[in-house]
Amino acid sequence: MSTYQEPSTYKELLDRATARAALNHRIKELLVTGLGLETRPELIGDDQPLFGRGLELDSLDTLEIVVMVDEEFGVAISDDDRAVFGSVNKIADFVVTERGDIPRVGAA
């Protein structure tokens, strides 16, 4: 696992912001396609709750998310990591923390 370093230049900051936006979008794509949601990834907010009044996911969707995150990013979510399921940003934060970097992703 690599160690996070603060960006030292504007270009590095912009690169990280772009990579993070791409990661969030990829997670949204995974949620839409993997869970068969009837919405577009662009319509899911980064901080929108995934359960309850948010995307209205249920407990069965949790297992699907665990599998998708592991397959896509090589990161395992355990029972102790329940807070990860709060929003797209929380999933992305978890992935970045566990990997030690922002994974470079492409669109599906």
N, C-alpha and C. Protein backbone atom coordinates (compact mmCIF):
# COMPACT_ATOMS: atom_id res chain seq x y z
N MET A 1 0.85 -1.16 0.00
CA MET A 1 0.00 0.00 0.00
C MET A 1 0.90 1.23 0.00
N SER A 2 0.64 2.16 -0.91
CA SER A 2 1.44 3.38 -0.96
C SER A 2 0.93 4.38 0.05
N THR A 3 1.76 5.37 0.34
CA THR A 3 1.41 6.38 1.33
C THR A 3 0.89 7.62 0.63
N TYR A 4 -0.22 8.15 1.15
CA TYR A 4 -0.82 9.34 0.57
C TYR A 4 0.11 10.53 0.78
N GLN A 5 0.30 11.32 -0.26
CA GLN A 5 1.09 12.55 -0.17
C GLN A 5 0.24 13.71 -0.66
N GLU A 6 0.34 14.81 0.04
CA GLU A 6 -0.38 16.02 -0.37
C GLU A 6 0.15 16.49 -1.72
N PRO A 7 -0.73 16.93 -2.60
CA PRO A 7 -0.26 17.46 -3.89
C PRO A 7 0.56 18.73 -3.66
N SER A 8 1.64 18.86 -4.42
CA SER A 8 2.51 20.03 -4.22
C SER A 8 2.35 21.08 -5.31
N THR A 9 1.67 20.72 -6.38
CA THR A 9 1.47 21.70 -7.45
C THR A 9 -0.01 21.72 -7.86
N TYR A 10 -0.37 22.77 -8.56
CA TYR A 10 -1.73 22.89 -9.05
C TYR A 10 -2.07 21.72 -9.96
N LYS A 11 -1.15 21.33 -10.81
CA LYS A 11 -1.39 20.21 -11.73
C LYS A 11 -1.65 18.92 -10.96
N GLU A 12 -0.88 18.67 -9.91
CA GLU A 12 -1.10 17.47 -9.10
C GLU A 12 -2.47 17.52 -8.42
N LEU A 13 -2.83 18.68 -7.91
CA LEU A 13 -4.14 18.84 -7.28
C LEU A 13 -5.26 18.60 -8.27
N LEU A 14 -5.13 19.17 -9.46
CA LEU A 14 -6.13 18.98 -10.51
C LEU A 14 -6.20 17.52 -10.94
N ASP A 15 -5.05 16.86 -11.04
CA ASP A 15 -5.00 15.45 -11.42
C ASP A 15 -5.72 14.59 -10.38
N ARG A 16 -5.48 14.88 -9.10
CA ARG A 16 -6.14 14.12 -8.04
C ARG A 16 -7.64 14.35 -8.04
N ALA A 17 -8.05 15.60 -8.24
CA ALA A 17 -9.48 15.91 -8.27
C ALA A 17 -10.16 15.20 -9.44
N THR A 18 -9.50 15.18 -10.58
CA THR A 18 -10.03 14.50 -11.76
C THR A 18 -10.12 13.00 -11.52
N ALA A 19 -9.08 12.42 -10.91
CA ALA A 19 -9.08 10.99 -10.62
C ALA A 19 -10.17 10.64 -9.62
N ARG A 20 -10.38 11.49 -8.63
CA ARG A 20 -11.41 11.22 -7.63
C ARG A 20 -12.81 11.32 -8.25
N ALA A 21 -13.02 12.30 -9.12
CA ALA A 21 -14.32 12.42 -9.80
C ALA A 21 -14.57 11.19 -10.66
N ALA A 22 -13.53 10.69 -11.32
CA ALA A 22 -13.68 9.49 -12.15
C ALA A 22 -13.99 8.27 -11.28
N LEU A 23 -13.35 8.17 -10.12
CA LEU A 23 -13.62 7.06 -9.20
C LEU A 23 -15.08 7.10 -8.74
N ASN A 24 -15.54 8.28 -8.32
CA ASN A 24 -16.94 8.40 -7.89
C ASN A 24 -17.89 8.01 -9.01
N HIS A 25 -17.61 8.47 -10.23
CA HIS A 25 -18.48 8.13 -11.35
C HIS A 25 -18.46 6.62 -11.62
N ARG A 26 -17.30 6.00 -11.52
CA ARG A 26 -17.22 4.55 -11.75
C ARG A 26 -18.03 3.80 -10.70
N ILE A 27 -17.97 4.24 -9.45
CA ILE A 27 -18.77 3.60 -8.40
C ILE A 27 -20.25 3.74 -8.72
N LYS A 28 -20.66 4.90 -9.18
CA LYS A 28 -22.07 5.10 -9.56
C LYS A 28 -22.46 4.17 -10.71
N GLU A 29 -21.58 4.02 -11.69
CA GLU A 29 -21.85 3.10 -12.80
C GLU A 29 -22.01 1.67 -12.29
N LEU A 30 -21.14 1.27 -11.37
CA LEU A 30 -21.23 -0.07 -10.80
C LEU A 30 -22.55 -0.27 -10.05
N LEU A 31 -22.96 0.73 -9.30
CA LEU A 31 -24.23 0.63 -8.57
C LEU A 31 -25.40 0.49 -9.55
N VAL A 32 -25.43 1.31 -10.58
CA VAL A 32 -26.54 1.29 -11.54
C VAL A 32 -26.58 -0.04 -12.29
N THR A 33 -25.45 -0.46 -12.85
CA THR A 33 -25.45 -1.69 -13.64
C THR A 33 -25.52 -2.94 -12.76
N GLY A 34 -24.75 -2.95 -11.68
CA GLY A 34 -24.69 -4.14 -10.82
C GLY A 34 -25.96 -4.40 -10.04
N LEU A 35 -26.66 -3.33 -9.68
CA LEU A 35 -27.89 -3.49 -8.89
C LEU A 35 -29.15 -3.31 -9.73
N GLY A 36 -28.97 -3.02 -11.01
CA GLY A 36 -30.12 -2.86 -11.89
C GLY A 36 -30.98 -1.66 -11.53
N LEU A 37 -30.34 -0.57 -11.11
CA LEU A 37 -31.10 0.62 -10.73
C LEU A 37 -31.67 1.30 -11.96
N GLU A 38 -32.85 1.85 -11.82
CA GLU A 38 -33.51 2.53 -12.93
C GLU A 38 -33.23 4.03 -12.86
N THR A 39 -31.97 4.37 -12.93
CA THR A 39 -31.53 5.76 -12.96
C THR A 39 -30.21 5.81 -13.70
N ARG A 40 -29.75 7.01 -13.98
CA ARG A 40 -28.45 7.18 -14.64
C ARG A 40 -27.41 7.54 -13.58
N PRO A 41 -26.17 7.12 -13.76
CA PRO A 41 -25.12 7.44 -12.78
C PRO A 41 -25.02 8.94 -12.48
N GLU A 42 -25.22 9.76 -13.48
CA GLU A 42 -25.09 11.22 -13.31
C GLU A 42 -26.13 11.78 -12.35
N LEU A 43 -27.21 11.06 -12.13
CA LEU A 43 -28.28 11.54 -11.26
C LEU A 43 -28.10 11.14 -9.80
N ILE A 44 -27.07 10.36 -9.52
CA ILE A 44 -26.79 9.96 -8.15
C ILE A 44 -25.81 10.97 -7.56
N GLY A 45 -26.17 11.54 -6.43
CA GLY A 45 -25.29 12.50 -5.77
C GLY A 45 -24.17 11.80 -5.03
N ASP A 46 -23.02 12.45 -4.95
CA ASP A 46 -21.87 11.85 -4.27
C ASP A 46 -22.15 11.58 -2.80
N ASP A 47 -22.97 12.41 -2.17
CA ASP A 47 -23.28 12.25 -0.75
C ASP A 47 -24.71 11.77 -0.50
N GLN A 48 -25.40 11.38 -1.57
CA GLN A 48 -26.76 10.87 -1.44
C GLN A 48 -26.75 9.55 -0.68
N PRO A 49 -27.60 9.40 0.33
CA PRO A 49 -27.65 8.13 1.06
C PRO A 49 -27.99 6.97 0.11
N LEU A 50 -27.34 5.85 0.33
CA LEU A 50 -27.61 4.68 -0.51
C LEU A 50 -28.84 3.92 -0.03
N PHE A 51 -29.11 3.98 1.27
CA PHE A 51 -30.24 3.25 1.84
C PHE A 51 -31.30 4.22 2.31
N GLY A 52 -32.45 3.69 2.69
CA GLY A 52 -33.52 4.56 3.17
C GLY A 52 -34.04 5.45 2.06
N ARG A 53 -34.18 6.73 2.35
CA ARG A 53 -34.75 7.67 1.39
C ARG A 53 -33.81 8.02 0.25
N GLY A 54 -32.58 7.57 0.30
CA GLY A 54 -31.64 7.86 -0.77
C GLY A 54 -31.96 7.04 -2.01
N LEU A 55 -31.11 6.08 -2.32
CA LEU A 55 -31.35 5.20 -3.47
C LEU A 55 -32.31 4.06 -3.13
N GLU A 56 -32.69 3.98 -1.87
CA GLU A 56 -33.64 2.97 -1.40
C GLU A 56 -33.12 1.54 -1.59
N LEU A 57 -31.82 1.37 -1.39
CA LEU A 57 -31.25 0.03 -1.44
C LEU A 57 -31.66 -0.73 -0.19
N ASP A 58 -31.52 -2.06 -0.24
CA ASP A 58 -31.86 -2.87 0.93
C ASP A 58 -30.66 -3.73 1.33
N SER A 59 -30.83 -4.51 2.35
CA SER A 59 -29.72 -5.29 2.90
C SER A 59 -29.15 -6.29 1.89
N LEU A 60 -29.96 -6.79 0.99
CA LEU A 60 -29.45 -7.71 -0.03
C LEU A 60 -28.48 -7.01 -0.99
N ASP A 61 -28.70 -5.73 -1.20
CA ASP A 61 -27.81 -4.96 -2.07
C ASP A 61 -26.43 -4.79 -1.45
N THR A 62 -26.35 -4.85 -0.13
CA THR A 62 -25.07 -4.71 0.56
C THR A 62 -24.06 -5.75 0.08
N LEU A 63 -24.48 -6.99 -0.01
CA LEU A 63 -23.59 -8.06 -0.46
C LEU A 63 -23.13 -7.81 -1.89
N GLU A 64 -24.02 -7.36 -2.74
CA GLU A 64 -23.65 -7.05 -4.13
C GLU A 64 -22.60 -5.95 -4.17
N ILE A 65 -22.75 -4.94 -3.34
CA ILE A 65 -21.78 -3.84 -3.31
C ILE A 65 -20.43 -4.36 -2.84
N VAL A 66 -20.41 -5.21 -1.82
CA VAL A 66 -19.17 -5.79 -1.33
C VAL A 66 -18.45 -6.52 -2.45
N VAL A 67 -19.17 -7.33 -3.20
CA VAL A 67 -18.58 -8.10 -4.30
C VAL A 67 -18.09 -7.16 -5.41
N MET A 68 -18.89 -6.16 -5.77
CA MET A 68 -18.50 -5.23 -6.84
C MET A 68 -17.22 -4.47 -6.47
N VAL A 69 -17.14 -3.99 -5.24
CA VAL A 69 -15.97 -3.23 -4.80
C VAL A 69 -14.72 -4.11 -4.80
N ASP A 70 -14.88 -5.34 -4.33
CA ASP A 70 -13.74 -6.27 -4.30
C ASP A 70 -13.27 -6.60 -5.72
N GLU A 71 -14.20 -6.91 -6.61
CA GLU A 71 -13.83 -7.26 -7.98
C GLU A 71 -13.24 -6.09 -8.75
N GLU A 72 -13.79 -4.91 -8.57
CA GLU A 72 -13.36 -3.73 -9.34
C GLU A 72 -12.08 -3.10 -8.80
N PHE A 73 -11.95 -3.04 -7.47
CA PHE A 73 -10.85 -2.30 -6.87
C PHE A 73 -9.91 -3.14 -6.02
N GLY A 74 -10.24 -4.43 -5.83
CA GLY A 74 -9.38 -5.30 -5.03
C GLY A 74 -9.37 -4.94 -3.56
N VAL A 75 -10.49 -4.43 -3.07
CA VAL A 75 -10.61 -4.00 -1.68
C VAL A 75 -11.76 -4.76 -1.03
N ALA A 76 -11.48 -5.41 0.09
CA ALA A 76 -12.51 -6.17 0.80
C ALA A 76 -13.16 -5.32 1.88
N ILE A 77 -14.47 -5.32 1.91
CA ILE A 77 -15.24 -4.62 2.94
C ILE A 77 -15.70 -5.66 3.95
N SER A 78 -15.36 -5.45 5.22
CA SER A 78 -15.74 -6.40 6.27
C SER A 78 -16.99 -5.92 7.00
N ASP A 79 -17.47 -6.77 7.90
CA ASP A 79 -18.64 -6.41 8.71
C ASP A 79 -18.39 -5.18 9.57
N ASP A 80 -17.13 -4.94 9.92
CA ASP A 80 -16.78 -3.79 10.76
C ASP A 80 -16.81 -2.48 9.99
N ASP A 81 -16.94 -2.55 8.67
CA ASP A 81 -16.88 -1.36 7.81
C ASP A 81 -18.26 -0.90 7.35
N ARG A 82 -19.26 -1.05 8.18
CA ARG A 82 -20.65 -0.71 7.81
C ARG A 82 -20.82 0.73 7.35
N ALA A 83 -20.04 1.65 7.89
CA ALA A 83 -20.18 3.06 7.53
C ALA A 83 -19.87 3.32 6.06
N VAL A 84 -19.17 2.39 5.44
CA VAL A 84 -18.82 2.52 4.02
C VAL A 84 -20.07 2.65 3.15
N PHE A 85 -21.16 2.07 3.58
CA PHE A 85 -22.36 2.02 2.77
C PHE A 85 -23.22 3.29 2.87
N GLY A 86 -22.67 4.36 3.42
CA GLY A 86 -23.43 5.59 3.59
C GLY A 86 -23.68 6.34 2.30
N SER A 87 -22.71 6.36 1.41
CA SER A 87 -22.83 7.14 0.17
C SER A 87 -21.72 6.74 -0.79
N VAL A 88 -21.79 7.27 -2.00
CA VAL A 88 -20.73 7.03 -2.99
C VAL A 88 -19.41 7.57 -2.46
N ASN A 89 -19.42 8.76 -1.86
CA ASN A 89 -18.19 9.34 -1.31
C ASN A 89 -17.59 8.46 -0.22
N LYS A 90 -18.41 7.84 0.60
CA LYS A 90 -17.89 6.98 1.66
C LYS A 90 -17.27 5.72 1.08
N ILE A 91 -17.87 5.17 0.04
CA ILE A 91 -17.27 4.02 -0.63
C ILE A 91 -15.93 4.44 -1.24
N ALA A 92 -15.90 5.56 -1.94
CA ALA A 92 -14.67 6.05 -2.57
C ALA A 92 -13.59 6.32 -1.52
N ASP A 93 -13.97 6.96 -0.41
CA ASP A 93 -13.00 7.22 0.67
C ASP A 93 -12.39 5.91 1.17
N PHE A 94 -13.23 4.90 1.35
CA PHE A 94 -12.76 3.60 1.82
C PHE A 94 -11.79 2.98 0.83
N VAL A 95 -12.14 3.01 -0.45
CA VAL A 95 -11.26 2.45 -1.48
C VAL A 95 -9.90 3.16 -1.47
N VAL A 96 -9.92 4.48 -1.43
CA VAL A 96 -8.67 5.26 -1.43
C VAL A 96 -7.84 4.94 -0.19
N THR A 97 -8.48 4.89 0.96
CA THR A 97 -7.76 4.60 2.20
C THR A 97 -7.15 3.21 2.18
N GLU A 98 -7.93 2.22 1.77
CA GLU A 98 -7.44 0.84 1.76
C GLU A 98 -6.33 0.62 0.74
N ARG A 99 -6.44 1.26 -0.40
CA ARG A 99 -5.43 1.10 -1.45
C ARG A 99 -4.21 2.02 -1.23
N GLY A 100 -4.44 3.13 -0.54
CA GLY A 100 -3.36 4.08 -0.34
C GLY A 100 -3.19 5.05 -1.50
N ASP A 101 -4.10 4.98 -2.45
CA ASP A 101 -4.08 5.90 -3.60
C ASP A 101 -5.45 5.93 -4.25
N ILE A 102 -5.61 6.83 -5.19
CA ILE A 102 -6.85 6.90 -5.95
C ILE A 102 -6.66 6.04 -7.19
N PRO A 103 -7.41 4.95 -7.30
CA PRO A 103 -7.24 4.11 -8.49
C PRO A 103 -7.66 4.84 -9.76
N ARG A 104 -6.90 4.67 -10.80
CA ARG A 104 -7.23 5.25 -12.10
C ARG A 104 -8.25 4.34 -12.75
N VAL A 105 -9.39 4.88 -13.06
CA VAL A 105 -10.48 4.09 -13.62
C VAL A 105 -10.93 4.68 -14.94
N GLY A 106 -11.52 3.83 -15.75
CA GLY A 106 -12.13 4.28 -16.99
C GLY A 106 -13.61 4.03 -16.95
N ALA A 107 -14.32 4.61 -17.86
CA ALA A 107 -15.77 4.41 -17.93
C ALA A 107 -16.07 2.98 -18.38
N ALA A 108 -17.22 2.52 -17.99
CA ALA A 108 -17.65 1.16 -18.36
C ALA A 108 -18.06 1.13 -19.82
